Amino acid sequence: MTTTAWYYNTTNKAKIREALHFFGGAGRLGILQHPITEILDTDLEKVVLAKAAAAYSAVRVPVIVEHGALCIDFLNGLPGSLVKPTWMALEERLCHLVPSGQPRTGKALSALCYCDGRRREVILRKVEGELAPEPRGKGGFHWDPVFIPRGETRTLAEMELDEKLRISATGQAFAELRQRLGL
């Protein structure tokens, strides 16, 4: 169990809602909304490590950051960690990048990195699944309406938040973070 107060840094209100829901409110996990310039790279771990270093440098408190990736097999793993700018450009049209009759398989990844000024530790989790033929659901954010986890028939956006956090790569990474840091 750690005695350090940790702060989750993101400007994404949906990510804040999910973190607070998972960890049961602010409690031992503070929330910061300090904007951080994200590097563009296909290496998810490199992106989240740089993001954590930049966040710690800016706020000077033990900080946690997250970065996601959506890797579509037909697109050779793209958009991967470049999913944010890809989503901003295409939004739900992302579904149509895989032609009819082609495999729609892929994976969603979440990388959390916590940094206390001395060390940066990465937690990486992935969930196999597929790209939906059409966006479905009103819950979640970004690409949640287009990703169906393996063994499910619904997209992440069609799930209740508790269920999504139990199944999603981010929820799995949060669970590992809670165990490692005693949050």
Protein backbone atom coordinates (compact mmCIF):
# COMPACT_ATOMS: atom_id res chain seq x y z
CA MET A 1 0.00 0.00 0.00
CA THR A 2 1.35 3.36 -0.98
CA THR A 3 1.17 6.51 1.12
CA THR A 4 1.70 8.75 -1.90
CA ALA A 5 -1.25 10.67 -3.28
CA TRP A 6 -1.60 10.01 -6.99
CA TYR A 7 -3.15 12.27 -9.61
CA TYR A 8 -4.74 11.17 -12.88
CA ASN A 9 -3.99 13.77 -15.53
CA THR A 10 -6.20 14.13 -18.58
CA THR A 11 -8.21 16.85 -20.28
CA ASN A 12 -10.70 14.23 -21.52
CA LYS A 13 -13.86 14.52 -19.40
CA ALA A 14 -15.03 11.01 -20.39
CA LYS A 15 -11.72 9.54 -19.13
CA ILE A 16 -12.12 11.49 -15.87
CA ARG A 17 -15.66 10.11 -15.46
CA GLU A 18 -14.42 6.54 -16.02
CA ALA A 19 -11.47 6.91 -13.61
CA LEU A 20 -13.62 8.42 -10.86
CA HIS A 21 -16.27 5.75 -11.38
CA PHE A 22 -13.70 2.93 -11.24
CA PHE A 23 -11.83 4.25 -8.21
CA GLY A 24 -14.99 5.29 -6.35
CA GLY A 25 -14.67 9.07 -6.53
CA ALA A 26 -11.67 11.27 -5.89
CA GLY A 27 -10.53 9.66 -2.61
CA ARG A 28 -6.85 8.77 -2.98
CA LEU A 29 -6.88 9.54 -6.71
CA GLY A 30 -6.79 13.24 -7.47
CA ILE A 31 -7.69 14.63 -10.86
CA LEU A 32 -5.59 17.10 -12.83
CA GLN A 33 -6.52 18.57 -16.19
CA HIS A 34 -3.16 19.93 -17.28
CA PRO A 35 -2.83 19.88 -21.09
CA ILE A 36 0.11 17.80 -22.31
CA THR A 37 1.46 17.72 -25.84
CA GLU A 38 1.36 14.12 -27.01
CA ILE A 39 4.02 12.75 -29.31
CA LEU A 40 2.85 11.03 -32.46
CA ASP A 41 4.35 7.57 -32.69
CA THR A 42 3.14 4.08 -33.51
CA ASP A 43 4.83 2.69 -30.37
CA LEU A 44 2.19 2.89 -27.63
CA GLU A 45 4.65 2.42 -24.79
CA LYS A 46 6.89 5.20 -26.12
CA VAL A 47 3.87 7.53 -26.35
CA VAL A 48 2.66 6.88 -22.79
CA LEU A 49 6.18 7.13 -21.31
CA ALA A 50 6.68 10.52 -22.96
CA LYS A 51 3.22 11.63 -21.86
CA ALA A 52 3.97 10.68 -18.23
CA ALA A 53 7.33 12.49 -18.27
CA ALA A 54 5.72 15.62 -19.70
CA ALA A 55 2.87 15.48 -17.18
CA TYR A 56 5.21 15.03 -14.22
CA SER A 57 7.46 17.84 -15.45
CA ALA A 58 4.43 20.14 -15.66
CA VAL A 59 2.70 19.30 -12.36
CA ARG A 60 5.51 17.95 -10.11
CA VAL A 61 3.29 15.49 -8.24
CA PRO A 62 2.95 11.70 -8.66
CA VAL A 63 0.95 11.43 -11.85
CA ILE A 64 -0.87 8.78 -13.89
CA VAL A 65 -1.61 9.14 -17.61
CA GLU A 66 -3.33 6.88 -20.12
CA HIS A 67 -3.15 6.42 -23.87
CA GLY A 68 -5.20 4.04 -25.95
CA ALA A 69 -4.70 2.29 -29.25
CA LEU A 70 -7.01 0.60 -31.70
CA CYS A 71 -5.16 -1.86 -33.92
CA ILE A 72 -7.10 -3.13 -36.94
CA ASP A 73 -5.58 -6.25 -38.46
CA PHE A 74 -6.71 -5.45 -42.04
CA LEU A 75 -4.88 -2.10 -41.74
CA ASN A 76 -1.67 -3.78 -40.50
CA GLY A 77 -2.32 -2.61 -36.94
CA LEU A 78 -3.23 0.97 -37.78
CA PRO A 79 -4.37 3.37 -36.52
CA GLY A 80 -2.79 1.93 -33.34
CA SER A 81 -1.63 4.66 -30.94
CA LEU A 82 -2.47 7.21 -33.64
CA VAL A 83 -6.16 6.52 -33.07
CA LYS A 84 -6.88 9.96 -31.58
CA PRO A 85 -5.93 11.99 -34.68
CA THR A 86 -7.42 9.29 -36.91
CA TRP A 87 -10.70 9.43 -34.97
CA MET A 88 -10.72 13.22 -35.05
CA ALA A 89 -10.44 13.09 -38.86
CA LEU A 90 -12.78 10.17 -39.60
CA GLU A 91 -14.94 9.62 -36.52
CA GLU A 92 -17.42 6.79 -37.09
CA ARG A 93 -16.38 6.44 -40.75
CA LEU A 94 -13.51 4.40 -39.32
CA CYS A 95 -15.89 1.41 -39.67
CA HIS A 96 -15.79 1.73 -43.43
CA LEU A 97 -12.02 1.40 -43.81
CA VAL A 98 -12.35 -2.39 -43.90
CA PRO A 99 -14.02 -3.53 -47.14
CA SER A 100 -16.98 -5.88 -47.02
CA GLY A 101 -15.90 -9.51 -46.82
CA GLN A 102 -12.53 -8.74 -45.25
CA PRO A 103 -11.65 -9.72 -41.67
CA ARG A 104 -12.61 -7.02 -39.17
CA THR A 105 -10.46 -8.36 -36.33
CA GLY A 106 -8.25 -6.22 -34.17
CA LYS A 107 -7.48 -5.24 -30.64
CA ALA A 108 -7.96 -2.35 -28.27
CA LEU A 109 -5.04 -1.47 -26.02
CA SER A 110 -4.68 0.76 -23.02
CA ALA A 111 -1.37 1.90 -21.60
CA LEU A 112 -1.28 3.54 -18.19
CA CYS A 113 1.95 5.06 -16.97
CA TYR A 114 2.55 6.28 -13.46
CA CYS A 115 5.45 8.54 -12.64
CA ASP A 116 6.59 9.73 -9.23
CA GLY A 117 9.60 11.72 -10.43
CA ARG A 118 12.01 8.83 -9.88
CA ARG A 119 10.47 6.11 -12.01
CA ARG A 120 7.95 5.58 -14.75
CA GLU A 121 6.07 2.27 -14.80
CA VAL A 122 3.81 1.17 -17.65
CA ILE A 123 0.78 -1.08 -17.42
CA LEU A 124 -0.33 -2.36 -20.81
CA ARG A 125 -3.52 -4.33 -21.37
CA LYS A 126 -5.24 -5.47 -24.55
CA VAL A 127 -8.61 -6.84 -25.53
CA GLU A 128 -9.09 -8.76 -28.76
CA GLY A 129 -12.19 -8.04 -30.78
CA GLU A 130 -13.44 -6.66 -34.05
CA LEU A 131 -14.48 -3.49 -35.78
CA ALA A 132 -18.27 -3.16 -35.99
CA PRO A 133 -19.72 -2.84 -39.51
CA GLU A 134 -21.57 0.30 -38.35
CA PRO A 135 -21.25 2.41 -35.18
CA ARG A 136 -23.63 1.39 -32.39
CA GLY A 137 -24.40 2.76 -28.95
CA LYS A 138 -24.47 6.10 -27.19
CA GLY A 139 -22.23 5.35 -24.20
CA GLY A 140 -18.50 5.66 -24.03
CA PHE A 141 -16.45 8.01 -26.17
CA HIS A 142 -14.25 8.15 -29.25
CA TRP A 143 -14.08 4.71 -30.83
CA ASP A 144 -16.22 2.87 -28.26
CA PRO A 145 -19.18 2.71 -30.75
CA VAL A 146 -17.07 0.81 -33.30
CA PHE A 147 -15.24 -1.82 -31.18
CA ILE A 148 -16.79 -5.15 -30.19
CA PRO A 149 -14.71 -7.15 -27.65
CA ARG A 150 -14.24 -10.86 -28.43
CA GLY A 151 -17.07 -12.94 -27.01
CA GLU A 152 -19.46 -9.98 -27.07
CA THR A 153 -22.12 -8.93 -29.56
CA ARG A 154 -22.27 -5.32 -28.39
CA THR A 155 -19.83 -2.46 -28.87
CA LEU A 156 -18.22 -0.86 -25.83
CA ALA A 157 -20.62 2.09 -26.32
CA GLU A 158 -23.62 -0.23 -25.90
CA MET A 159 -22.46 -1.41 -22.47
CA GLU A 160 -23.19 0.04 -19.06
CA LEU A 161 -20.12 1.72 -17.56
CA ASP A 162 -19.47 -1.00 -14.93
CA GLU A 163 -19.58 -3.68 -17.62
CA LYS A 164 -17.38 -1.69 -19.99
CA LEU A 165 -14.77 -1.14 -17.27
CA ARG A 166 -14.79 -4.86 -16.44
CA ILE A 167 -14.22 -5.85 -20.09
CA SER A 168 -12.19 -3.01 -21.60
CA ALA A 169 -8.41 -2.75 -21.74
CA THR A 170 -8.62 0.51 -19.75
CA GLY A 171 -10.66 -1.13 -17.00
CA GLN A 172 -8.18 -4.00 -16.83
CA ALA A 173 -5.27 -1.53 -16.63
CA PHE A 174 -7.10 0.40 -13.87
CA ALA A 175 -7.48 -2.87 -11.92
CA GLU A 176 -3.74 -3.53 -12.16
CA LEU A 177 -2.99 0.08 -11.18
CA ARG A 178 -5.23 -0.22 -8.12
CA GLN A 179 -3.37 -3.37 -7.07
CA ARG A 180 0.12 -1.93 -7.65
CA LEU A 181 -0.48 1.45 -5.99
CA GLY A 182 -3.05 0.47 -3.39
CA LEU A 183 -5.64 2.91 -4.72
